[in-house]
C-alpha atoms as a PDB file:
ATOM      1  CA  UNK A   1     237.742-151.889 -73.507  1.00  0.00           C
ATOM      2  CA  UNK A   2     238.627-150.239 -70.198  1.00  0.00           C
ATOM      3  CA  UNK A   3     239.146-146.531 -69.587  1.00  0.00           C
ATOM      4  CA  UNK A   4     241.368-145.064 -66.873  1.00  0.00           C
ATOM      5  CA  UNK A   5     241.188-141.342 -66.116  1.00  0.00           C
ATOM      6  CA  UNK A   6     244.210-139.760 -64.446  1.00  0.00           C
ATOM      7  CA  UNK A   7     244.402-136.240 -63.013  1.00  0.00           C
ATOM      8  CA  UNK A   8     246.918-134.769 -65.492  1.00  0.00           C
ATOM      9  CA  UNK A   9     248.827-135.544 -68.675  1.00  0.00           C
ATOM     10  CA  UNK A  10     252.063-136.582 -66.956  1.00  0.00           C
ATOM     11  CA  UNK A  11     250.157-138.794 -64.525  1.00  0.00           C
ATOM     12  CA  UNK A  12     248.574-140.568 -67.489  1.00  0.00           C
ATOM     13  CA  UNK A  13     251.950-141.015 -69.228  1.00  0.00           C
ATOM     14  CA  UNK A  14     253.537-142.265 -66.000  1.00  0.00           C
ATOM     15  CA  UNK A  15     250.823-144.889 -65.584  1.00  0.00           C
ATOM     16  CA  UNK A  16     251.408-146.110 -69.144  1.00  0.00           C
ATOM     17  CA  UNK A  17     255.159-146.340 -68.479  1.00  0.00           C
ATOM     18  CA  UNK A  18     254.548-148.290 -65.274  1.00  0.00           C
ATOM     19  CA  UNK A  19     252.266-150.705 -67.114  1.00  0.00           C
ATOM     20  CA  UNK A  20     254.883-151.276 -69.818  1.00  0.00           C
ATOM     21  CA  UNK A  21     257.603-151.739 -67.190  1.00  0.00           C
ATOM     22  CA  UNK A  22     255.494-154.271 -65.291  1.00  0.00           C
ATOM     23  CA  UNK A  23     254.951-156.325 -68.440  1.00  0.00           C
ATOM     24  CA  UNK A  24     258.647-156.112 -69.367  1.00  0.00           C
ATOM     25  CA  UNK A  25     259.767-157.282 -65.933  1.00  0.00           C
ATOM     26  CA  UNK A  26     257.344-160.198 -66.092  1.00  0.00           C
ATOM     27  CA  UNK A  27     258.398-161.127 -69.649  1.00  0.00           C
ATOM     28  CA  UNK A  28     261.936-159.945 -70.496  1.00  0.00           C
ATOM     29  CA  UNK A  29     261.496-161.146 -74.112  1.00  0.00           C
ATOM     30  CA  UNK A  30     258.386-159.021 -74.536  1.00  0.00           C
ATOM     31  CA  UNK A  31     257.475-157.950 -78.078  1.00  0.00           C
ATOM     32  CA  UNK A  32     256.516-154.291 -77.850  1.00  0.00           C
ATOM     33  CA  UNK A  33     254.591-152.327 -80.448  1.00  0.00           C
ATOM     34  CA  UNK A  34     255.603-148.673 -80.182  1.00  0.00           C
ATOM     35  CA  UNK A  35     254.170-145.324 -81.228  1.00  0.00           C
ATOM     36  CA  UNK A  36     255.622-141.884 -81.829  1.00  0.00           C
ATOM     37  CA  UNK A  37     254.401-138.319 -81.409  1.00  0.00           C
ATOM     38  CA  UNK A  38     254.503-135.661 -78.735  1.00  0.00           C
ATOM     39  CA  UNK A  39     252.148-137.561 -76.413  1.00  0.00           C
ATOM     40  CA  UNK A  40     254.602-140.464 -76.193  1.00  0.00           C
ATOM     41  CA  UNK A  41     257.666-138.412 -75.262  1.00  0.00           C
ATOM     42  CA  UNK A  42     256.768-138.422 -71.558  1.00  0.00           C
ATOM     43  CA  UNK A  43     256.208-142.191 -71.624  1.00  0.00           C
ATOM     44  CA  UNK A  44     259.687-142.740 -73.036  1.00  0.00           C
ATOM     45  CA  UNK A  45     261.187-140.270 -70.559  1.00  0.00           C
ATOM     46  CA  UNK A  46     259.750-142.292 -67.679  1.00  0.00           C
ATOM     47  CA  UNK A  47     261.005-145.560 -69.188  1.00  0.00           C
ATOM     48  CA  UNK A  48     264.497-144.086 -69.550  1.00  0.00           C
ATOM     49  CA  UNK A  49     264.424-142.994 -65.902  1.00  0.00           C
ATOM     50  CA  UNK A  50     263.284-146.490 -64.852  1.00  0.00           C
ATOM     51  CA  UNK A  51     266.177-147.978 -66.804  1.00  0.00           C
ATOM     52  CA  UNK A  52     268.684-145.641 -65.139  1.00  0.00           C
ATOM     53  CA  UNK A  53     267.319-145.703 -61.599  1.00  0.00           C
ATOM     54  CA  UNK A  54     265.380-148.975 -61.288  1.00  0.00           C
ATOM     55  CA  UNK A  55     267.407-151.246 -63.596  1.00  0.00           C
ATOM     56  CA  UNK A  56     264.544-151.828 -66.007  1.00  0.00           C
ATOM     57  CA  UNK A  57     266.081-154.215 -68.546  1.00  0.00           C
ATOM     58  CA  UNK A  58     265.406-153.848 -72.279  1.00  0.00           C
ATOM     59  CA  UNK A  59     268.173-156.191 -73.439  1.00  0.00           C
ATOM     60  CA  UNK A  60     265.938-159.085 -74.526  1.00  0.00           C
ATOM     61  CA  UNK A  61     262.840-157.270 -75.752  1.00  0.00           C
ATOM     62  CA  UNK A  62     261.939-156.657 -79.387  1.00  0.00           C
ATOM     63  CA  UNK A  63     260.046-153.689 -80.770  1.00  0.00           C
ATOM     64  CA  UNK A  64     257.955-152.924 -83.838  1.00  0.00           C
ATOM     65  CA  UNK A  65     256.855-149.380 -84.557  1.00  0.00           C
ATOM     66  CA  UNK A  66     253.484-148.568 -86.026  1.00  0.00           C
ATOM     67  CA  UNK A  67     254.616-146.489 -88.971  1.00  0.00           C
ATOM     68  CA  UNK A  68     257.203-144.502 -90.876  1.00  0.00           C
ATOM     69  CA  UNK A  69     257.088-141.720 -93.452  1.00  0.00           C
ATOM     70  CA  UNK A  70     257.674-142.649 -97.080  1.00  0.00           C
ATOM     71  CA  UNK A  71     260.812-141.053 -98.497  1.00  0.00           C
ATOM     72  CA  UNK A  72     262.583-140.134 -95.258  1.00  0.00           C
ATOM     73  CA  UNK A  73     265.859-141.970 -94.569  1.00  0.00           C
ATOM     74  CA  UNK A  74     266.533-143.177 -91.027  1.00  0.00           C
ATOM     75  CA  UNK A  75     269.117-140.409 -90.633  1.00  0.00           C
ATOM     76  CA  UNK A  76     266.557-137.658 -91.238  1.00  0.00           C
ATOM     77  CA  UNK A  77     265.681-136.081 -87.909  1.00  0.00           C
ATOM     78  CA  UNK A  78     262.008-136.011 -88.886  1.00  0.00           C
ATOM     79  CA  UNK A  79     261.908-139.772 -89.441  1.00  0.00           C
ATOM     80  CA  UNK A  80     260.335-141.991 -86.823  1.00  0.00           C
ATOM     81  CA  UNK A  81     263.508-144.083 -86.667  1.00  0.00           C
ATOM     82  CA  UNK A  82     265.371-140.955 -85.561  1.00  0.00           C
ATOM     83  CA  UNK A  83     262.578-140.147 -83.082  1.00  0.00           C
ATOM     84  CA  UNK A  84     262.806-143.606 -81.496  1.00  0.00           C
ATOM     85  CA  UNK A  85     266.612-143.594 -81.380  1.00  0.00           C
ATOM     86  CA  UNK A  86     266.625-140.162 -79.753  1.00  0.00           C
ATOM     87  CA  UNK A  87     263.792-140.689 -77.276  1.00  0.00           C
ATOM     88  CA  UNK A  88     264.356-144.303 -76.243  1.00  0.00           C
ATOM     89  CA  UNK A  89     266.649-146.708 -78.079  1.00  0.00           C
ATOM     90  CA  UNK A  90     269.935-144.821 -77.619  1.00  0.00           C
ATOM     91  CA  UNK A  91     269.182-144.229 -73.925  1.00  0.00           C
ATOM     92  CA  UNK A  92     268.483-147.796 -72.765  1.00  0.00           C
ATOM     93  CA  UNK A  93     270.191-151.176 -73.143  1.00  0.00           C
ATOM     94  CA  UNK A  94     268.091-152.443 -76.026  1.00  0.00           C
ATOM     95  CA  UNK A  95     269.787-154.322 -78.866  1.00  0.00           C
ATOM     96  CA  UNK A  96     269.200-152.037 -81.844  1.00  0.00           C
ATOM     97  CA  UNK A  97     269.005-155.113 -84.087  1.00  0.00           C
ATOM     98  CA  UNK A  98     265.788-155.975 -82.240  1.00  0.00           C
ATOM     99  CA  UNK A  99     264.181-152.601 -83.002  1.00  0.00           C
ATOM    100  CA  UNK A 100     262.059-152.596 -86.134  1.00  0.00           C
ATOM    101  CA  UNK A 101     260.427-149.854 -88.183  1.00  0.00           C
ATOM    102  CA  UNK A 102     259.159-149.976 -91.764  1.00  0.00           C
ATOM    103  CA  UNK A 103     261.685-148.742 -94.315  1.00  0.00           C
ATOM    104  CA  UNK A 104     260.065-145.737 -95.966  1.00  0.00           C
ATOM    105  CA  UNK A 105     262.885-145.599 -98.524  1.00  0.00           C
ATOM    106  CA  UNK A 106     262.590-149.218 -99.692  1.00  0.00           C
ATOM    107  CA  UNK A 107     262.676-149.480-103.505  1.00  0.00           C
ATOM    108  CA  UNK A 108     259.585-151.718-103.448  1.00  0.00           C
ATOM    109  CA  UNK A 109     257.187-150.421-100.792  1.00  0.00           C
ATOM    110  CA  UNK A 110     254.639-153.202-101.281  1.00  0.00           C
ATOM    111  CA  UNK A 111     257.355-155.792-100.708  1.00  0.00           C
ATOM    112  CA  UNK A 112     258.547-153.860 -97.646  1.00  0.00           C
ATOM    113  CA  UNK A 113     255.025-153.985 -96.190  1.00  0.00           C
ATOM    114  CA  UNK A 114     254.880-157.755 -96.706  1.00  0.00           C
ATOM    115  CA  UNK A 115     258.326-158.122 -95.142  1.00  0.00           C
ATOM    116  CA  UNK A 116     257.207-156.159 -92.071  1.00  0.00           C
ATOM    117  CA  UNK A 117     254.113-158.315 -91.602  1.00  0.00           C
ATOM    118  CA  UNK A 118     256.275-161.440 -91.943  1.00  0.00           C
ATOM    119  CA  UNK A 119     258.733-160.112 -89.348  1.00  0.00           C
ATOM    120  CA  UNK A 120     255.912-159.624 -86.841  1.00  0.00           C
ATOM    121  CA  UNK A 121     254.594-163.123 -87.534  1.00  0.00           C
ATOM    122  CA  UNK A 122     258.043-164.655 -87.037  1.00  0.00           C
ATOM    123  CA  UNK A 123     258.108-163.444 -83.419  1.00  0.00           C
ATOM    124  CA  UNK A 124     254.560-164.767 -82.859  1.00  0.00           C
ATOM    125  CA  UNK A 125     252.974-161.344 -82.871  1.00  0.00           C
ATOM    126  CA  UNK A 126     253.045-158.267 -80.663  1.00  0.00           C
ATOM    127  CA  UNK A 127     252.479-158.741 -76.944  1.00  0.00           C
ATOM    128  CA  UNK A 128     251.778-155.134 -75.988  1.00  0.00           C
ATOM    129  CA  UNK A 129     250.917-152.395 -78.503  1.00  0.00           C
ATOM    130  CA  UNK A 130     251.237-148.750 -77.460  1.00  0.00           C
ATOM    131  CA  UNK A 131     248.955-146.383 -79.366  1.00  0.00           C
ATOM    132  CA  UNK A 132     248.215-142.698 -79.697  1.00  0.00           C
ATOM    133  CA  UNK A 133     245.222-141.260 -81.520  1.00  0.00           C
ATOM    134  CA  UNK A 134     245.039-138.591 -84.193  1.00  0.00           C
ATOM    135  CA  UNK A 135     242.455-135.839 -84.113  1.00  0.00           C
ATOM    136  CA  UNK A 136     240.547-137.636 -86.864  1.00  0.00           C
ATOM    137  CA  UNK A 137     240.664-140.848 -84.829  1.00  0.00           C
ATOM    138  CA  UNK A 138     243.431-142.645 -86.678  1.00  0.00           C
ATOM    139  CA  UNK A 139     245.671-145.199 -84.985  1.00  0.00           C
ATOM    140  CA  UNK A 140     248.991-145.599 -86.728  1.00  0.00           C
ATOM    141  CA  UNK A 141     248.383-143.831 -90.009  1.00  0.00           C
ATOM    142  CA  UNK A 142     245.106-145.640 -90.615  1.00  0.00           C
ATOM    143  CA  UNK A 143     243.250-142.663 -92.013  1.00  0.00           C
ATOM    144  CA  UNK A 144     239.448-142.429 -92.463  1.00  0.00           C
ATOM    145  CA  UNK A 145     237.974-145.358 -94.425  1.00  0.00           C
ATOM    146  CA  UNK A 146     240.841-147.684 -93.546  1.00  0.00           C
ATOM    147  CA  UNK A 147     239.533-151.241 -93.648  1.00  0.00           C
ATOM    148  CA  UNK A 148     239.158-152.743 -90.191  1.00  0.00           C
ATOM    149  CA  UNK A 149     240.981-155.879 -91.417  1.00  0.00           C
ATOM    150  CA  UNK A 150     243.764-153.966 -93.179  1.00  0.00           C
ATOM    151  CA  UNK A 151     247.391-155.051 -93.002  1.00  0.00           C
ATOM    152  CA  UNK A 152     250.673-153.119 -93.149  1.00  0.00           C
ATOM    153  CA  UNK A 153     250.568-150.985 -96.290  1.00  0.00           C
ATOM    154  CA  UNK A 154     251.392-147.647 -97.867  1.00  0.00           C
ATOM    155  CA  UNK A 155     248.810-144.991 -97.082  1.00  0.00           C
ATOM    156  CA  UNK A 156     248.112-141.444 -98.291  1.00  0.00           C
ATOM    157  CA  UNK A 157     247.889-139.007 -95.379  1.00  0.00           C
ATOM    158  CA  UNK A 158     244.716-137.002 -94.944  1.00  0.00           C
ATOM    159  CA  UNK A 159     244.670-133.183 -95.092  1.00  0.00           C
ATOM    160  CA  UNK A 160     243.883-133.099 -91.373  1.00  0.00           C
ATOM    161  CA  UNK A 161     246.894-135.276 -90.545  1.00  0.00           C
ATOM    162  CA  UNK A 162     249.113-133.157 -92.764  1.00  0.00           C
ATOM    163  CA  UNK A 163     247.919-130.006 -91.007  1.00  0.00           C
ATOM    164  CA  UNK A 164     248.479-131.572 -87.576  1.00  0.00           C
ATOM    165  CA  UNK A 165     252.000-132.883 -88.271  1.00  0.00           C
ATOM    166  CA  UNK A 166     253.405-130.317 -90.718  1.00  0.00           C
ATOM    167  CA  UNK A 167     254.409-127.833 -87.954  1.00  0.00           C
ATOM    168  CA  UNK A 168     256.865-130.477 -86.688  1.00  0.00           C
ATOM    169  CA  UNK A 169     258.897-130.004 -89.888  1.00  0.00           C
ATOM    170  CA  UNK A 170     261.312-127.103 -90.371  1.00  0.00           C
ATOM    171  CA  UNK A 171     259.627-126.471 -93.709  1.00  0.00           C
ATOM    172  CA  UNK A 172     256.021-127.765 -93.535  1.00  0.00           C
ATOM    173  CA  UNK A 173     255.980-128.075 -97.317  1.00  0.00           C
ATOM    174  CA  UNK A 174     258.575-130.846 -96.995  1.00  0.00           C
ATOM    175  CA  UNK A 175     256.374-133.138 -94.926  1.00  0.00           C
ATOM    176  CA  UNK A 176     255.857-136.452 -96.744  1.00  0.00           C
ATOM    177  CA  UNK A 177     252.349-137.039 -98.065  1.00  0.00           C
ATOM    178  CA  UNK A 178     252.493-140.812 -97.638  1.00  0.00           C
ATOM    179  CA  UNK A 179     253.523-143.302 -94.965  1.00  0.00           C
ATOM    180  CA  UNK A 180     253.829-147.015 -94.309  1.00  0.00           C
ATOM    181  CA  UNK A 181     251.574-148.070 -91.450  1.00  0.00           C
ATOM    182  CA  UNK A 182     250.556-151.217 -89.661  1.00  0.00           C
ATOM    183  CA  UNK A 183     246.976-152.003 -90.624  1.00  0.00           C
ATOM    184  CA  UNK A 184     244.024-151.951 -88.262  1.00  0.00           C
ATOM    185  CA  UNK A 185     243.887-155.729 -88.525  1.00  0.00           C
ATOM    186  CA  UNK A 186     247.578-155.981 -87.645  1.00  0.00           C
ATOM    187  CA  UNK A 187     247.050-153.817 -84.551  1.00  0.00           C
ATOM    188  CA  UNK A 188     244.016-155.818 -83.428  1.00  0.00           C
ATOM    189  CA  UNK A 189     246.089-159.013 -83.430  1.00  0.00           C
ATOM    190  CA  UNK A 190     248.270-157.633 -80.618  1.00  0.00           C
ATOM    191  CA  UNK A 191     247.617-159.460 -77.383  1.00  0.00           C
ATOM    192  CA  UNK A 192     247.159-156.210 -75.465  1.00  0.00           C
ATOM    193  CA  UNK A 193     246.642-152.584 -76.527  1.00  0.00           C
ATOM    194  CA  UNK A 194     247.309-149.414 -74.525  1.00  0.00           C
ATOM    195  CA  UNK A 195     246.023-146.155 -75.975  1.00  0.00           C
ATOM    196  CA  UNK A 196     247.209-142.894 -74.420  1.00  0.00           C
ATOM    197  CA  UNK A 197     245.520-139.558 -75.113  1.00  0.00           C
ATOM    198  CA  UNK A 198     245.894-136.250 -73.297  1.00  0.00           C
ATOM    199  CA  UNK A 199     244.638-132.707 -73.693  1.00  0.00           C
ATOM    200  CA  UNK A 200     241.270-131.094 -74.339  1.00  0.00           C
ATOM    201  CA  UNK A 201     241.850-131.184 -78.106  1.00  0.00           C
ATOM    202  CA  UNK A 202     241.488-135.001 -77.931  1.00  0.00           C
ATOM    203  CA  UNK A 203     238.257-135.008 -75.912  1.00  0.00           C
ATOM    204  CA  UNK A 204     235.833-135.153 -78.851  1.00  0.00           C
ATOM    205  CA  UNK A 205     237.643-137.931 -80.688  1.00  0.00           C
ATOM    206  CA  UNK A 206     238.200-139.991 -77.533  1.00  0.00           C
ATOM    207  CA  UNK A 207     234.460-139.894 -76.825  1.00  0.00           C
ATOM    208  CA  UNK A 208     233.740-141.070 -80.369  1.00  0.00           C
ATOM    209  CA  UNK A 209     236.424-143.767 -80.290  1.00  0.00           C
ATOM    210  CA  UNK A 210     235.399-145.175 -76.903  1.00  0.00           C
ATOM    211  CA  UNK A 211     231.655-144.641 -76.716  1.00  0.00           C
ATOM    212  CA  UNK A 212     230.617-144.146 -80.339  1.00  0.00           C
ATOM    213  CA  UNK A 213     229.725-146.671 -83.045  1.00  0.00           C
ATOM    214  CA  UNK A 214     232.407-148.716 -84.758  1.00  0.00           C
ATOM    215  CA  UNK A 215     233.188-147.161 -88.121  1.00  0.00           C
ATOM    216  CA  UNK A 216     235.975-147.217 -90.697  1.00  0.00           C
ATOM    217  CA  UNK A 217     235.804-143.406 -90.649  1.00  0.00           C
ATOM    218  CA  UNK A 218     237.429-143.527 -87.179  1.00  0.00           C
ATOM    219  CA  UNK A 219     239.902-146.396 -87.115  1.00  0.00           C
ATOM    220  CA  UNK A 220     240.350-146.193 -83.319  1.00  0.00           C
ATOM    221  CA  UNK A 221     236.752-147.381 -82.852  1.00  0.00           C
ATOM    222  CA  UNK A 222     237.957-150.822 -83.972  1.00  0.00           C
ATOM    223  CA  UNK A 223     239.676-151.122 -80.577  1.00  0.00           C
ATOM    224  CA  UNK A 224     236.211-151.720 -79.111  1.00  0.00           C
ATOM    225  CA  UNK A 225     236.540-155.173 -80.704  1.00  0.00           C
ATOM    226  CA  UNK A 226     239.817-155.935 -78.926  1.00  0.00           C
ATOM    227  CA  UNK A 227     239.529-158.314 -75.950  1.00  0.00           C
ATOM    228  CA  UNK A 228     242.162-156.482 -73.903  1.00  0.00           C
ATOM    229  CA  UNK A 229     242.393-152.793 -74.707  1.00  0.00           C
ATOM    230  CA  UNK A 230     242.988-150.097 -72.076  1.00  0.00           C
ATOM    231  CA  UNK A 231     242.544-146.395 -72.821  1.00  0.00           C
ATOM    232  CA  UNK A 232     244.404-144.033 -70.485  1.00  0.00           C
ATOM    233  CA  UNK A 233     243.413-140.360 -70.576  1.00  0.00           C
ATOM    234  CA  UNK A 234     243.872-137.252 -68.472  1.00  0.00           C
ATOM    235  CA  UNK A 235     240.924-135.237 -67.164  1.00  0.00           C
ATOM    236  CA  UNK A 236     241.018-132.919 -70.170  1.00  0.00           C
ATOM    237  CA  UNK A 237     240.860-135.723 -72.739  1.00  0.00           C
ATOM    238  CA  UNK A 238     238.082-137.393 -70.727  1.00  0.00           C
ATOM    239  CA  UNK A 239     235.962-134.263 -70.829  1.00  0.00           C
ATOM    240  CA  UNK A 240     233.372-135.559 -73.346  1.00  0.00           C
ATOM    241  CA  UNK A 241     232.999-139.102 -72.017  1.00  0.00           C
ATOM    242  CA  UNK A 242     229.595-139.906 -70.531  1.00  0.00           C
ATOM    243  CA  UNK A 243     230.503-142.872 -68.307  1.00  0.00           C
ATOM    244  CA  UNK A 244     233.481-141.487 -66.413  1.00  0.00           C
ATOM    245  CA  UNK A 245     232.055-142.361 -62.979  1.00  0.00           C
ATOM    246  CA  UNK A 246     231.828-146.006 -64.003  1.00  0.00           C
ATOM    247  CA  UNK A 247     235.380-145.920 -65.396  1.00  0.00           C
ATOM    248  CA  UNK A 248     236.641-144.438 -62.124  1.00  0.00           C
ATOM    249  CA  UNK A 249     234.798-147.109 -60.118  1.00  0.00           C
ATOM    250  CA  UNK A 250     236.370-149.912 -62.155  1.00  0.00           C
ATOM    251  CA  UNK A 251     239.885-148.532 -61.661  1.00  0.00           C
ATOM    252  CA  UNK A 252     239.263-148.105 -57.925  1.00  0.00           C
ATOM    253  CA  UNK A 253     237.837-151.597 -57.381  1.00  0.00           C
ATOM    254  CA  UNK A 254     239.127-154.114 -59.933  1.00  0.00           C
ATOM    255  CA  UNK A 255     241.995-156.293 -58.585  1.00  0.00           C
ATOM    256  CA  UNK A 256     243.924-155.938 -61.867  1.00  0.00           C
ATOM    257  CA  UNK A 257     244.598-152.280 -61.124  1.00  0.00           C
ATOM    258  CA  UNK A 258     245.574-152.682 -57.469  1.00  0.00           C
ATOM    259  CA  UNK A 259     249.351-152.427 -58.153  1.00  0.00           C
ATOM    260  CA  UNK A 260     248.759-149.028 -59.746  1.00  0.00           C
ATOM    261  CA  UNK A 261     246.524-147.537 -57.041  1.00  0.00           C
ATOM    262  CA  UNK A 262     249.357-146.388 -54.776  1.00  0.00           C
ATOM    263  CA  UNK A 263     248.874-142.712 -55.607  1.00  0.00           C
ATOM    264  CA  UNK A 264     252.400-142.187 -56.923  1.00  0.00           C
ATOM    265  CA  UNK A 265     251.117-140.840 -60.239  1.00  0.00           C
ATOM    266  CA  UNK A 266     249.780-137.739 -58.480  1.00  0.00           C
ATOM    267  CA  UNK A 267     253.344-136.417 -58.475  1.00  0.00           C
ATOM    268  CA  UNK A 268     255.334-138.546 -60.959  1.00  0.00           C
ATOM    269  CA  UNK A 269     259.127-138.602 -60.543  1.00  0.00           C
ATOM    270  CA  UNK A 270     261.025-136.142 -62.727  1.00  0.00           C
ATOM    271  CA  UNK A 271     262.194-137.456 -66.086  1.00  0.00           C
ATOM    272  CA  UNK A 272     265.640-137.070 -67.676  1.00  0.00           C
ATOM    273  CA  UNK A 273     264.077-134.864 -70.343  1.00  0.00           C
ATOM    274  CA  UNK A 274     262.513-132.435 -67.837  1.00  0.00           C
END
């Protein structure tokens, strides 16, 4: 696991977008694992700008999202399908047939979970998986005590997750209590993982996920087992880490990060959503 600390939230999101764009330009048929949530909106804004201004091409890539609420149709504006269409898919030249999310309204949810796993296997797995982190340390909707070898499945949402996400609904009482999520094991099979976290409210859980013991109580700690996982945080989210000087040294000296050390993230370009 590597940790990169950027000066501010938008600088962190811009770096993630640049990393995704670099991989997509190198491999136009890239299989992308995508995440939702407020933290990701800036990432998608930057990708949309790169498509419009820099001709970033999404036409051959395929995407698989981490999760979807049970019971929400794709047309519901609170669904993650609607989120992805609004924030990315409808604004770039991606073939919508190549964009995949679990169907939270499938009549047989267990069969839908198996279908989703099979779909990922048919494209030989996910090349680059984008991740956020919940305040209880979940990745996807892998709530506390999720097995570290778990696969895509239906999952009950924890009270803390419900409290965190309910304000996003017009009527918080209408927030679904269950979701379909990629499993921790599914995520770990991705060839590369990028986790983005910003804000002081994520500082405690980032410290536990990155520097704490591996535990099923915090599913993000499983990323310590991944051979190529990068965690990108802003200064606020890095506030509880103990080895930040080492992380800064690695970013400043490792050849892998040289293309991203041009200082442009200090003042990222404006996004279409700004």
